[in-house]
Amino acid sequence: MSDGRHDTTGTGWRRDAPRRAEPARDDKPSQQQPGLRQSWLALTALSFGFFMLLLDTTIVNIAIPAILDKLQTSLENIIWVNSVYLLTFAVPLLVTGRLGDRYGPKRVFVAGLVIFTVSSLACGMATAVEPLIIGRAIQGLGAAAMMPQTMAFVYHLFPPGRRGAAMGVWGATAGVATVSGPLLGGVLVDSLGWQWIFYVNVPIGVAGLAMVLRFVPDWQPGHSRRFDLPGIGLFTLGLAALIFGLQEGERYDWSTVAGPVTVWWLIGGGLALLALFVIWQRRSRREPLLDLQLFTFRSFSQSILANATLGFALIGTVLPLMLYLQTVRGYSPLMAGVISAPMPLASGVTSAFVGRIAERFDGRKLGGAGFLGYACGLAMLAWTIRTDVEPLLLAPALVLAGVGMGAIFAPLATLGTLSLPPHLVGGGSGLFNTLRQVGAVIGSASIGVLLQARLSIELTRQAEVQASTLPPEFQQQFVDRITAGARHVGEVPVDADDAFDLPADTSPELAEQFREAAEAVFVHGFTSAARASILLPAIVLLLGALACLLMPNPRGPSLRPAKRAS
């Protein structure tokens, strides 16, 4: 017979978990729970905003060349257009999760949706890069307000036997939104212009707002009566410094940022502040920002680790794949999006299916299989990519990666956050989503570093190979010029006149030979670098699979919470 203490497997209640007195309040999500039809309408409404905020983590990448051209700015500034969104999105997530506990998730979600929609309009109307960066920063804050509330609402809207199916919809939305950015972005940029990657959010946001106000109940959890201001300060500053250092380290050559401040000082200082935050949370006698009781639930601890590896792969895969399709193969943004479309389509279909069975089967095995399938799909994609491969041959790898991705979301959330006791759901949801965004930032930074390192090696190696086809007097100059340009992607020459100084009387045939050699270096070097970079997320996903498979063994075939003893 159960004694009313929560099961660390995420499946019910058990005897050996630490006892904690809960506030005398009604935390039972089943009370005043809306009907099933109303619940699905509410989840559909919430999914509008959820789709937009994740779509905007990747959609800007495909529009970078167009924005560079139209706003006449530097690549450094354009990088900030994406970086600032990830920064302001990730840092406040833990705080906004608690805001939902205190003021009600519907109210916080609506506020975030309004902020996100209005700032999207401002981004589209920007005529210079500075207001665009400011608009993206505000967009990120709106996204941070919305994200944790969606998972909290799944807990409230659906009874235990239905949460798996609801998480399937949530997971399908998350997966499709994150990896379909290139496809939708390509369509909008090619047909309407870069501004429409932001303008498209306006009608979606307005429709979503109307649906949320109409169908989503004004649920008041009644938690978190006070805010832990020192905790908020330590966590916000620490995470912001850490993310900025990881995200921008490559741009500053992992050296000086400003004055005595270096990238490594930011990373080290951020980690120190986060350590102080944990110490403060442990000692705080008032209601802490992060309830460390969360980490007494082993399934939750391992689920956030797995979720971080998922974030790493979702963001880390996009850059090398788009680099290969657009830069090496020369496809338009639209065609690059179409070629990559099998992955989000397979993910969406699989998420919906897995969500329906997630609570009837061992979620550890479902999630672990998803991570392994995703990793195998990426490994297969890296093996398939060649300088002249037919795009159709990439489809099997993309489908396998999408199926694996789609099999992860519902089991992972069901095993982790949705198994927490009601008074921990808001904070757990915030931390669950924070770790995925931190994983995405680490993935983006790591892939950037690996791409640059592999390009330096591969372009130099290819230059030495192709130099043998040139006249001896130009061979060393060719290698030196390519090697110097390999330090910065934008400086790699693909034209003979850029690669070396040709004599004025050089024949057209010889000049063409030089150009072909430089282009061969470029194509082979970038292809090899992209293949190596796609393998890194595949390796990281194996850690996610391990975290899933080593979770505590669920009691019985079902993941539904066991009944408490009367």
Protein backbone atom coordinates (compact mmCIF):
# COMPACT_ATOMS: atom_id res chain seq x y z
CA MET A 1 0.00 0.00 0.00
CA SER A 2 1.28 3.42 -0.88
CA ASP A 3 2.15 5.96 1.82
CA GLY A 4 1.58 9.08 -0.28
CA ARG A 5 5.13 9.95 -1.18
CA HIS A 6 6.06 10.57 -4.75
CA ASP A 7 7.68 7.88 -6.85
CA THR A 8 11.04 8.86 -8.36
CA THR A 9 10.23 6.78 -11.39
CA GLY A 10 7.69 9.39 -12.36
CA THR A 11 4.96 6.73 -12.30
CA GLY A 12 3.27 7.10 -8.96
CA TRP A 13 3.99 7.21 -5.24
CA ARG A 14 6.52 5.23 -3.25
CA ARG A 15 7.87 4.73 0.25
CA ASP A 16 11.49 5.87 0.10
CA ALA A 17 11.12 9.39 -1.31
CA PRO A 18 11.77 12.24 1.18
CA ARG A 19 8.70 13.51 2.98
CA ARG A 20 7.84 17.17 2.61
CA ALA A 21 4.87 18.91 4.11
CA GLU A 22 2.78 20.44 1.36
CA PRO A 23 0.83 23.64 1.79
CA ALA A 24 -2.73 23.26 2.91
CA ARG A 25 -4.36 24.00 -0.38
CA ASP A 26 -6.12 22.22 -3.16
CA ASP A 27 -3.44 20.99 -5.54
CA LYS A 28 -5.45 18.26 -7.20
CA PRO A 29 -5.50 18.92 -10.92
CA SER A 30 -8.61 16.83 -11.38
CA GLN A 31 -10.84 19.31 -9.57
CA GLN A 32 -12.57 21.85 -11.78
CA GLN A 33 -10.95 20.13 -14.74
CA PRO A 34 -12.62 21.08 -18.03
CA GLY A 35 -14.31 18.52 -20.26
CA LEU A 36 -12.23 16.60 -22.77
CA ARG A 37 -13.51 18.57 -25.78
CA GLN A 38 -12.80 21.85 -24.02
CA SER A 39 -9.34 20.58 -23.07
CA TRP A 40 -8.42 19.80 -26.68
CA LEU A 41 -9.69 23.19 -27.86
CA ALA A 42 -7.59 24.85 -25.16
CA LEU A 43 -4.49 22.88 -26.15
CA THR A 44 -5.05 23.80 -29.81
CA ALA A 45 -5.20 27.47 -28.84
CA LEU A 46 -2.01 27.22 -26.76
CA SER A 47 -0.25 25.42 -29.63
CA PHE A 48 -0.54 28.49 -31.88
CA GLY A 49 1.74 30.51 -29.65
CA PHE A 50 3.94 27.53 -28.82
CA PHE A 51 4.52 26.87 -32.53
CA MET A 52 5.52 30.47 -33.22
CA LEU A 53 8.04 30.82 -30.43
CA LEU A 54 9.93 27.65 -31.42
CA LEU A 55 9.69 28.39 -35.13
CA ASP A 56 11.53 31.64 -34.52
CA THR A 57 14.55 29.83 -33.06
CA THR A 58 15.50 28.60 -36.57
CA ILE A 59 13.54 30.53 -39.19
CA VAL A 60 15.91 33.53 -39.20
CA ASN A 61 18.88 31.41 -40.31
CA ILE A 62 17.48 30.97 -43.80
CA ALA A 63 16.88 34.72 -44.19
CA ILE A 64 20.36 35.89 -43.15
CA PRO A 65 21.64 36.52 -46.72
CA ALA A 66 18.51 38.53 -47.59
CA ILE A 67 18.68 40.58 -44.37
CA LEU A 68 22.37 41.27 -44.95
CA ASP A 69 21.60 42.57 -48.43
CA LYS A 70 18.55 44.67 -47.58
CA LEU A 71 19.79 46.25 -44.35
CA GLN A 72 23.37 46.70 -45.57
CA THR A 73 24.88 45.59 -42.28
CA SER A 74 27.65 43.28 -41.12
CA LEU A 75 27.48 39.54 -40.54
CA GLU A 76 28.43 40.19 -36.91
CA ASN A 77 25.28 42.28 -36.42
CA ILE A 78 23.09 39.73 -38.17
CA ILE A 79 24.40 36.98 -35.90
CA TRP A 80 23.09 39.05 -33.00
CA VAL A 81 19.61 39.00 -34.54
CA ASN A 82 19.44 35.29 -33.77
CA SER A 83 21.68 35.21 -30.71
CA VAL A 84 19.75 37.83 -28.74
CA TYR A 85 16.50 35.89 -29.24
CA LEU A 86 18.02 32.68 -27.87
CA LEU A 87 19.51 34.63 -24.96
CA THR A 88 16.35 36.45 -23.85
CA PHE A 89 14.30 33.31 -24.47
CA ALA A 90 16.43 30.97 -22.33
CA VAL A 91 17.39 33.13 -19.35
CA PRO A 92 13.94 34.05 -17.92
CA LEU A 93 12.29 30.62 -18.31
CA LEU A 94 12.67 29.58 -14.70
CA VAL A 95 11.25 32.91 -13.50
CA THR A 96 8.31 32.88 -15.91
CA GLY A 97 7.43 29.36 -14.78
CA ARG A 98 6.99 30.71 -11.28
CA LEU A 99 5.06 33.72 -12.58
CA GLY A 100 2.52 31.26 -13.95
CA ASP A 101 2.29 29.64 -10.52
CA ARG A 102 1.58 32.96 -8.88
CA TYR A 103 -0.63 34.87 -11.32
CA GLY A 104 -2.07 31.98 -13.33
CA PRO A 105 -0.60 30.41 -16.48
CA LYS A 106 -3.32 31.81 -18.76
CA ARG A 107 -2.58 35.40 -17.79
CA VAL A 108 1.17 35.00 -18.18
CA PHE A 109 0.71 33.18 -21.51
CA VAL A 110 -1.59 35.92 -22.85
CA ALA A 111 0.88 38.63 -21.80
CA GLY A 112 3.71 36.75 -23.53
CA LEU A 113 1.65 36.20 -26.68
CA VAL A 114 0.79 39.90 -26.94
CA ILE A 115 4.45 40.89 -26.42
CA PHE A 116 5.60 38.33 -28.99
CA THR A 117 3.04 39.36 -31.62
CA VAL A 118 3.65 43.11 -31.29
CA SER A 119 7.44 42.69 -31.33
CA SER A 120 7.14 40.47 -34.44
CA LEU A 121 5.39 43.33 -36.21
CA ALA A 122 8.15 45.69 -35.08
CA CYS A 123 10.83 43.30 -36.38
CA GLY A 124 9.19 43.15 -39.81
CA MET A 125 8.97 46.94 -39.97
CA ALA A 126 12.64 47.47 -39.02
CA THR A 127 14.66 49.43 -41.58
CA ALA A 128 17.99 49.06 -39.76
CA VAL A 129 19.64 46.26 -37.84
CA GLU A 130 19.56 47.98 -34.43
CA PRO A 131 15.75 48.11 -34.08
CA LEU A 132 15.62 44.57 -35.47
CA ILE A 133 17.93 43.35 -32.69
CA ILE A 134 15.85 45.17 -30.05
CA GLY A 135 12.66 43.67 -31.47
CA ARG A 136 14.15 40.18 -31.37
CA ALA A 137 15.19 40.67 -27.75
CA ILE A 138 11.61 41.58 -26.82
CA GLN A 139 10.35 38.63 -28.86
CA GLY A 140 12.51 36.34 -26.74
CA LEU A 141 11.00 37.72 -23.54
CA GLY A 142 7.51 37.07 -24.88
CA ALA A 143 8.51 33.52 -25.84
CA ALA A 144 9.93 32.93 -22.36
CA ALA A 145 6.62 33.97 -20.82
CA MET A 146 4.67 31.48 -22.96
CA MET A 147 6.83 28.37 -22.97
CA PRO A 148 6.47 27.00 -19.39
CA GLN A 149 2.73 27.65 -19.27
CA THR A 150 2.00 25.17 -22.06
CA MET A 151 3.35 22.19 -20.11
CA ALA A 152 1.66 23.32 -16.90
CA PHE A 153 -1.65 23.47 -18.76
CA VAL A 154 -1.26 19.96 -20.14
CA TYR A 155 -1.04 18.79 -16.53
CA HIS A 156 -4.18 20.71 -15.56
CA LEU A 157 -6.31 20.15 -18.67
CA PHE A 158 -5.91 16.39 -19.04
CA PRO A 159 -6.35 13.50 -16.59
CA PRO A 160 -3.43 11.05 -16.24
CA GLY A 161 -4.75 8.62 -18.84
CA ARG A 162 -5.00 11.35 -21.48
CA ARG A 163 -1.78 13.28 -20.86
CA GLY A 164 0.30 11.08 -23.13
CA ALA A 165 -1.87 11.91 -26.15
CA ALA A 166 -1.79 15.60 -25.21
CA MET A 167 1.99 15.47 -24.91
CA GLY A 168 2.06 13.88 -28.36
CA VAL A 169 0.42 17.01 -29.75
CA TRP A 170 2.75 19.19 -27.68
CA GLY A 171 5.75 17.22 -28.90
CA ALA A 172 4.61 17.29 -32.52
CA THR A 173 4.25 21.06 -32.30
CA ALA A 174 7.70 21.44 -30.74
CA GLY A 175 9.48 19.17 -33.20
CA VAL A 176 7.78 20.43 -36.35
CA ALA A 177 8.20 24.09 -35.37
CA THR A 178 11.91 23.77 -34.59
CA VAL A 179 12.97 21.94 -37.73
CA SER A 180 10.49 23.43 -40.22
CA GLY A 181 11.96 26.92 -39.90
CA PRO A 182 14.10 26.45 -43.04
CA LEU A 183 11.10 25.26 -45.11
CA LEU A 184 8.65 27.97 -44.09
CA GLY A 185 11.40 30.58 -44.06
CA GLY A 186 12.47 29.63 -47.56
CA VAL A 187 8.92 29.95 -48.89
CA LEU A 188 8.43 33.36 -47.28
CA VAL A 189 11.84 34.81 -48.19
CA ASP A 190 11.67 33.66 -51.81
CA SER A 191 8.08 34.75 -52.42
CA LEU A 192 7.41 37.76 -50.16
CA GLY A 193 10.69 38.97 -48.67
CA TRP A 194 12.57 38.54 -45.39
CA GLN A 195 10.14 40.76 -43.45
CA TRP A 196 7.47 38.08 -43.76
CA ILE A 197 9.31 35.64 -41.49
CA PHE A 198 8.16 38.11 -38.80
CA TYR A 199 4.90 39.38 -40.30
CA VAL A 200 3.56 35.82 -40.49
CA ASN A 201 3.50 35.76 -36.69
CA VAL A 202 0.97 38.59 -36.54
CA PRO A 203 -2.15 36.81 -37.93
CA ILE A 204 -1.15 33.60 -36.15
CA GLY A 205 -0.68 35.51 -32.90
CA VAL A 206 -4.02 37.32 -33.22
CA ALA A 207 -5.86 34.07 -33.99
CA GLY A 208 -4.09 32.33 -31.13
CA LEU A 209 -4.93 35.16 -28.73
CA ALA A 210 -8.62 35.02 -29.64
CA MET A 211 -8.66 31.24 -29.12
CA VAL A 212 -6.78 31.40 -25.82
CA LEU A 213 -9.19 34.03 -24.44
CA ARG A 214 -12.15 31.96 -25.60
CA PHE A 215 -11.15 28.38 -24.79
CA VAL A 216 -8.38 28.34 -22.16
CA PRO A 217 -9.63 28.39 -18.54
CA ASP A 218 -8.26 30.98 -16.12
CA TRP A 219 -6.69 28.35 -13.87
CA GLN A 220 -5.13 29.70 -10.66
CA PRO A 221 -2.67 27.24 -9.08
CA GLY A 222 -2.26 29.58 -6.10
CA HIS A 223 1.44 28.78 -5.57
CA SER A 224 4.52 30.94 -5.04
CA ARG A 225 3.19 33.71 -2.84
CA ARG A 226 6.51 35.58 -2.81
CA PHE A 227 9.48 35.99 -5.15
CA ASP A 228 13.03 35.07 -4.28
CA LEU A 229 14.69 38.28 -5.51
CA PRO A 230 18.31 37.30 -4.63
CA GLY A 231 17.73 33.95 -6.33
CA ILE A 232 16.31 35.64 -9.42
CA GLY A 233 19.34 37.96 -9.59
CA LEU A 234 21.93 35.19 -9.20
CA PHE A 235 20.20 32.87 -11.66
CA THR A 236 19.54 35.54 -14.30
CA LEU A 237 23.04 37.03 -14.23
CA GLY A 238 24.75 33.64 -14.04
CA LEU A 239 22.80 32.05 -16.88
CA ALA A 240 23.05 35.19 -19.04
CA ALA A 241 26.85 35.33 -18.62
CA LEU A 242 27.21 31.60 -19.33
CA ILE A 243 24.99 31.65 -22.41
CA PHE A 244 26.58 34.82 -23.79
CA GLY A 245 30.06 33.32 -23.39
CA LEU A 246 29.11 30.06 -25.10
CA GLN A 247 27.06 31.73 -27.80
CA GLU A 248 29.47 34.51 -28.71
CA GLY A 249 32.82 32.88 -27.86
CA GLU A 250 33.68 32.02 -31.44
CA ARG A 251 32.91 35.55 -32.64
CA TYR A 252 35.39 36.95 -30.10
CA ASP A 253 37.95 34.21 -30.89
CA TRP A 254 37.44 32.95 -27.31
CA SER A 255 39.41 35.94 -26.11
CA THR A 256 38.67 39.55 -25.08
CA VAL A 257 35.10 40.83 -25.21
CA ALA A 258 35.62 44.32 -23.80
CA GLY A 259 38.39 45.75 -21.63
CA PRO A 260 39.53 43.13 -19.12
CA VAL A 261 36.46 40.97 -19.72
CA THR A 262 37.17 37.79 -21.69
CA VAL A 263 34.91 35.02 -22.92
CA TRP A 264 36.35 32.61 -20.37
CA TRP A 265 35.80 35.10 -17.55
CA LEU A 266 32.14 35.28 -18.58
CA ILE A 267 31.77 31.50 -18.70
CA GLY A 268 33.60 31.01 -15.40
CA GLY A 269 31.76 33.88 -13.73
CA GLY A 270 28.41 32.55 -14.97
CA LEU A 271 29.13 29.09 -13.55
CA ALA A 272 30.23 30.65 -10.22
CA LEU A 273 27.01 32.68 -9.97
CA LEU A 274 24.92 29.60 -10.76
CA ALA A 275 26.78 27.69 -8.02
CA LEU A 276 26.01 30.52 -5.59
CA PHE A 277 22.39 30.34 -6.75
CA VAL A 278 22.17 26.65 -5.82
CA ILE A 279 23.75 27.36 -2.41
CA TRP A 280 21.26 30.18 -1.83
CA GLN A 281 18.34 27.96 -2.82
CA ARG A 282 19.48 25.32 -0.34
CA ARG A 283 19.75 27.84 2.50
CA SER A 284 16.72 29.96 1.68
CA ARG A 285 13.99 29.50 4.29
CA ARG A 286 11.37 31.29 2.23
CA GLU A 287 9.87 29.86 -0.92
CA PRO A 288 12.86 29.46 -3.28
CA LEU A 289 12.91 30.19 -7.00
CA LEU A 290 14.06 26.63 -7.70
CA ASP A 291 12.78 23.98 -5.32
CA LEU A 292 15.71 21.59 -4.95
CA GLN A 293 13.22 18.86 -4.07
CA LEU A 294 12.86 18.52 -7.85
CA PHE A 295 16.20 16.74 -7.93
CA THR A 296 15.06 14.10 -5.45
CA PHE A 297 12.97 12.71 -8.32
CA ARG A 298 15.49 10.75 -10.34
CA SER A 299 13.26 10.48 -13.39
CA PHE A 300 12.98 14.28 -13.54
CA SER A 301 16.74 14.80 -13.14
CA GLN A 302 17.49 12.40 -15.98
CA SER A 303 14.70 13.81 -18.15
CA ILE A 304 16.19 17.33 -18.05
CA LEU A 305 19.59 15.91 -19.01
CA ALA A 306 18.00 14.08 -21.94
CA ASN A 307 16.06 17.23 -22.86
CA ALA A 308 19.30 19.24 -23.00
CA THR A 309 20.78 16.76 -25.50
CA LEU A 310 17.59 17.05 -27.56
CA GLY A 311 17.93 20.85 -27.66
CA PHE A 312 21.58 20.44 -28.70
CA ALA A 313 20.60 18.28 -31.66
CA LEU A 314 17.54 20.29 -32.77
CA ILE A 315 19.53 23.51 -33.20
CA GLY A 316 22.92 21.95 -33.97
CA THR A 317 21.68 20.05 -37.03
CA VAL A 318 20.16 23.00 -38.87
CA LEU A 319 23.32 25.04 -39.55
CA PRO A 320 25.52 22.37 -41.20
CA LEU A 321 22.60 20.99 -43.23
CA MET A 322 21.60 24.43 -44.55
CA LEU A 323 25.27 25.29 -45.16
CA TYR A 324 25.62 22.19 -47.30
CA LEU A 325 22.39 22.62 -49.26
CA GLN A 326 22.69 26.36 -49.94
CA THR A 327 26.42 27.07 -49.95
CA VAL A 328 27.83 23.87 -51.43
CA ARG A 329 24.97 22.70 -53.64
CA GLY A 330 23.69 26.19 -54.49
CA TYR A 331 20.01 25.54 -53.78
CA SER A 332 17.69 28.45 -53.08
CA PRO A 333 16.28 28.89 -49.56
CA LEU A 334 12.99 27.44 -50.78
CA MET A 335 14.57 24.35 -52.33
CA ALA A 336 16.78 23.81 -49.27
CA GLY A 337 13.65 23.89 -47.12
CA VAL A 338 11.81 21.47 -49.42
CA ILE A 339 14.72 19.02 -49.40
CA SER A 340 14.84 19.05 -45.59
CA ALA A 341 11.04 18.78 -45.24
CA PRO A 342 10.87 14.97 -44.66
CA MET A 343 12.35 15.43 -41.20
CA PRO A 344 9.68 17.76 -39.70
CA LEU A 345 6.89 15.87 -41.49
CA ALA A 346 8.03 12.52 -40.10
CA SER A 347 8.49 14.08 -36.66
CA GLY A 348 4.96 15.50 -36.58
CA VAL A 349 3.28 12.25 -37.61
CA THR A 350 5.36 10.17 -35.19
CA SER A 351 4.82 12.54 -32.23
CA ALA A 352 1.05 12.34 -32.61
CA PHE A 353 1.15 8.53 -32.78
CA VAL A 354 3.61 8.03 -29.93
CA GLY A 355 1.66 10.42 -27.73
CA ARG A 356 -1.38 8.15 -27.94
CA ILE A 357 0.55 5.10 -26.72
CA ALA A 358 3.07 6.80 -24.40
CA GLU A 359 1.14 6.03 -21.21
CA ARG A 360 0.49 2.38 -22.11
CA PHE A 361 4.10 1.40 -22.75
CA ASP A 362 7.43 1.75 -21.00
CA GLY A 363 8.30 5.39 -21.71
CA ARG A 364 11.98 4.73 -21.06
CA LYS A 365 12.13 2.37 -24.03
CA LEU A 366 10.04 4.63 -26.27
CA GLY A 367 12.19 7.66 -25.47
CA GLY A 368 15.44 5.70 -25.65
CA ALA A 369 14.45 4.26 -29.04
CA GLY A 370 13.60 7.76 -30.23
CA PHE A 371 17.01 9.10 -29.25
CA LEU A 372 18.74 6.16 -30.93
CA GLY A 373 16.65 6.56 -34.09
CA TYR A 374 17.37 10.28 -34.22
CA ALA A 375 21.10 9.61 -33.77
CA CYS A 376 21.12 6.89 -36.44
CA GLY A 377 19.27 9.18 -38.86
CA LEU A 378 21.85 11.93 -38.42
CA ALA A 379 24.73 9.46 -38.75
CA MET A 380 23.14 8.12 -41.94
CA LEU A 381 22.71 11.69 -43.21
CA ALA A 382 26.39 12.44 -42.58
CA TRP A 383 27.36 9.27 -44.43
CA THR A 384 25.03 10.05 -47.38
CA ILE A 385 26.11 13.65 -47.95
CA ARG A 386 28.51 13.98 -50.87
CA THR A 387 29.47 16.78 -53.22
CA ASP A 388 27.15 15.50 -55.95
CA VAL A 389 24.54 13.33 -54.22
CA GLU A 390 20.98 13.50 -55.51
CA PRO A 391 18.73 15.31 -53.01
CA LEU A 392 16.22 12.44 -53.06
CA LEU A 393 18.86 10.14 -51.57
CA LEU A 394 18.93 12.29 -48.41
CA ALA A 395 15.25 11.55 -47.73
CA PRO A 396 15.63 8.15 -45.96
CA ALA A 397 18.09 9.60 -43.44
CA LEU A 398 15.90 12.65 -42.87
CA VAL A 399 12.82 10.48 -42.36
CA LEU A 400 14.63 8.23 -39.88
CA ALA A 401 15.89 11.27 -37.94
CA GLY A 402 12.37 12.74 -37.94
CA VAL A 403 10.77 9.51 -36.73
CA GLY A 404 13.32 9.29 -33.92
CA MET A 405 12.79 12.92 -32.98
CA GLY A 406 9.02 12.49 -32.91
CA ALA A 407 9.28 9.49 -30.59
CA ILE A 408 11.08 11.51 -27.90
CA PHE A 409 8.84 14.39 -26.80
CA ALA A 410 5.80 12.72 -25.21
CA PRO A 411 7.63 9.94 -23.29
CA LEU A 412 10.30 12.35 -22.05
CA ALA A 413 7.83 14.86 -20.66
CA THR A 414 5.58 12.13 -19.24
CA LEU A 415 8.48 10.45 -17.45
CA GLY A 416 9.80 13.73 -16.12
CA THR A 417 7.89 16.95 -15.58
CA LEU A 418 4.32 15.68 -15.75
CA SER A 419 5.00 13.12 -13.03
CA LEU A 420 5.88 15.77 -10.45
CA PRO A 421 3.50 16.63 -7.59
CA PRO A 422 1.23 19.57 -8.46
CA HIS A 423 3.05 22.21 -6.40
CA LEU A 424 6.30 21.50 -8.31
CA VAL A 425 4.88 21.45 -11.84
CA GLY A 426 5.42 25.16 -12.59
CA GLY A 427 9.04 25.24 -11.41
CA GLY A 428 9.75 21.86 -13.00
CA SER A 429 8.29 22.98 -16.33
CA GLY A 430 10.44 26.11 -16.27
CA LEU A 431 13.60 24.11 -15.53
CA PHE A 432 12.71 21.43 -18.10
CA ASN A 433 12.41 24.04 -20.85
CA THR A 434 15.39 26.08 -19.60
CA LEU A 435 17.69 23.09 -19.93
CA ARG A 436 16.53 22.42 -23.47
CA GLN A 437 17.25 26.02 -24.46
CA VAL A 438 20.65 25.90 -22.76
CA GLY A 439 21.33 22.70 -24.68
CA ALA A 440 20.34 24.50 -27.88
CA VAL A 441 22.76 27.34 -27.16
CA ILE A 442 25.58 24.90 -26.39
CA GLY A 443 24.72 23.00 -29.57
CA SER A 444 24.79 26.14 -31.68
CA ALA A 445 28.14 27.24 -30.21
CA SER A 446 29.69 23.77 -30.45
CA ILE A 447 28.65 23.27 -34.06
CA GLY A 448 30.05 26.70 -34.95
CA VAL A 449 33.40 25.87 -33.37
CA LEU A 450 33.54 22.43 -34.99
CA LEU A 451 32.60 23.80 -38.41
CA GLN A 452 35.38 26.40 -38.22
CA ALA A 453 37.94 23.84 -37.04
CA ARG A 454 37.02 21.29 -39.70
CA LEU A 455 37.00 23.94 -42.41
CA SER A 456 40.52 25.01 -41.51
CA ILE A 457 41.70 21.41 -41.78
CA GLU A 458 39.68 20.33 -44.82
CA LEU A 459 40.22 23.44 -46.92
CA THR A 460 43.97 23.30 -46.33
CA ARG A 461 44.05 19.60 -47.22
CA GLN A 462 41.99 20.12 -50.35
CA ALA A 463 44.14 23.08 -51.36
CA GLU A 464 47.24 20.87 -51.29
CA VAL A 465 45.44 18.26 -53.41
CA GLN A 466 44.15 20.73 -56.00
CA ALA A 467 47.42 22.69 -56.15
CA SER A 468 49.04 19.74 -57.89
CA THR A 469 46.86 20.45 -60.95
CA LEU A 470 48.26 24.01 -61.29
CA PRO A 471 51.52 25.31 -62.77
CA PRO A 472 54.37 24.99 -60.19
CA GLU A 473 54.90 28.74 -59.87
CA PHE A 474 51.36 29.21 -58.54
CA GLN A 475 51.01 26.15 -56.30
CA GLN A 476 52.38 27.53 -53.02
CA GLN A 477 50.60 30.86 -53.46
CA PHE A 478 47.35 28.96 -54.02
CA VAL A 479 47.78 26.90 -50.84
CA ASP A 480 48.77 29.94 -48.76
CA ARG A 481 45.79 31.99 -49.92
CA ILE A 482 43.29 29.20 -49.29
CA THR A 483 44.79 28.45 -45.87
CA ALA A 484 44.59 32.10 -44.82
CA GLY A 485 40.98 32.37 -45.99
CA ALA A 486 40.04 29.16 -44.16
CA ARG A 487 40.37 30.96 -40.84
CA HIS A 488 37.19 32.88 -41.70
CA VAL A 489 34.45 31.27 -43.76
CA GLY A 490 33.59 34.50 -45.53
CA GLU A 491 37.14 34.93 -46.83
CA VAL A 492 37.50 31.62 -48.65
CA PRO A 493 38.20 32.44 -52.31
CA VAL A 494 36.16 30.78 -55.04
CA ASP A 495 37.46 32.92 -57.85
CA ALA A 496 40.90 32.83 -59.42
CA ASP A 497 41.42 36.57 -59.12
CA ASP A 498 40.80 36.34 -55.37
CA ALA A 499 42.99 33.30 -54.88
CA PHE A 500 46.14 34.65 -56.50
CA ASP A 501 47.50 37.43 -58.66
CA LEU A 502 47.43 36.23 -62.23
CA PRO A 503 49.68 37.83 -64.83
CA ALA A 504 47.90 40.21 -67.17
CA ASP A 505 48.60 37.96 -70.15
CA THR A 506 47.16 34.80 -68.52
CA SER A 507 45.13 32.85 -71.03
CA PRO A 508 41.39 32.36 -70.40
CA GLU A 509 41.94 28.60 -70.33
CA LEU A 510 44.55 28.85 -67.55
CA ALA A 511 42.42 31.31 -65.55
CA GLU A 512 39.50 28.90 -65.77
CA GLN A 513 41.74 26.11 -64.51
CA PHE A 514 42.56 28.21 -61.44
CA ARG A 515 38.90 28.94 -60.81
CA GLU A 516 37.95 25.30 -61.06
CA ALA A 517 40.70 24.37 -58.58
CA ALA A 518 39.49 26.98 -56.07
CA GLU A 519 35.85 25.89 -56.45
CA ALA A 520 36.85 22.23 -55.98
CA VAL A 521 38.59 23.14 -52.73
CA PHE A 522 35.54 25.03 -51.55
CA VAL A 523 32.99 22.32 -52.42
CA HIS A 524 34.96 19.38 -51.03
CA GLY A 525 36.10 21.26 -47.93
CA PHE A 526 32.65 22.51 -46.96
CA THR A 527 31.07 19.12 -47.64
CA SER A 528 33.55 17.34 -45.37
CA ALA A 529 33.08 19.96 -42.64
CA ALA A 530 29.28 19.67 -42.82
CA ARG A 531 29.45 15.88 -42.56
CA ALA A 532 31.65 16.03 -39.47
CA SER A 533 29.43 18.65 -37.86
CA ILE A 534 26.26 16.59 -38.34
CA LEU A 535 27.93 13.67 -36.58
CA LEU A 536 28.43 15.68 -33.36
CA PRO A 537 24.69 15.94 -32.51
CA ALA A 538 24.35 12.24 -33.32
CA ILE A 539 26.98 11.43 -30.68
CA VAL A 540 25.40 13.76 -28.11
CA LEU A 541 22.00 12.11 -28.65
CA LEU A 542 23.47 8.83 -27.42
CA LEU A 543 23.81 10.49 -24.00
CA GLY A 544 20.09 11.29 -24.15
CA ALA A 545 19.31 7.66 -24.98
CA LEU A 546 21.39 6.53 -22.03
CA ALA A 547 19.62 8.97 -19.68
CA CYS A 548 16.23 7.60 -20.80
CA LEU A 549 17.13 3.94 -20.56
CA LEU A 550 18.71 4.32 -17.11
CA MET A 551 15.64 5.97 -15.59
CA PRO A 552 14.01 4.03 -12.72
CA ASN A 553 11.99 1.08 -13.92
CA PRO A 554 8.25 1.94 -14.00
CA ARG A 555 6.02 -0.24 -11.86
CA GLY A 556 3.96 -2.19 -14.34
CA PRO A 557 3.28 -1.41 -18.02
CA SER A 558 1.53 1.89 -17.35
CA LEU A 559 3.04 5.25 -16.50
CA ARG A 560 -0.12 6.50 -14.84
CA PRO A 561 0.30 7.73 -11.27
CA ALA A 562 -0.65 5.12 -8.73
CA LYS A 563 -3.59 5.86 -6.46
CA ARG A 564 -2.86 7.28 -3.06
CA ALA A 565 -3.89 5.41 0.01
CA SER A 566 -7.03 6.77 1.54
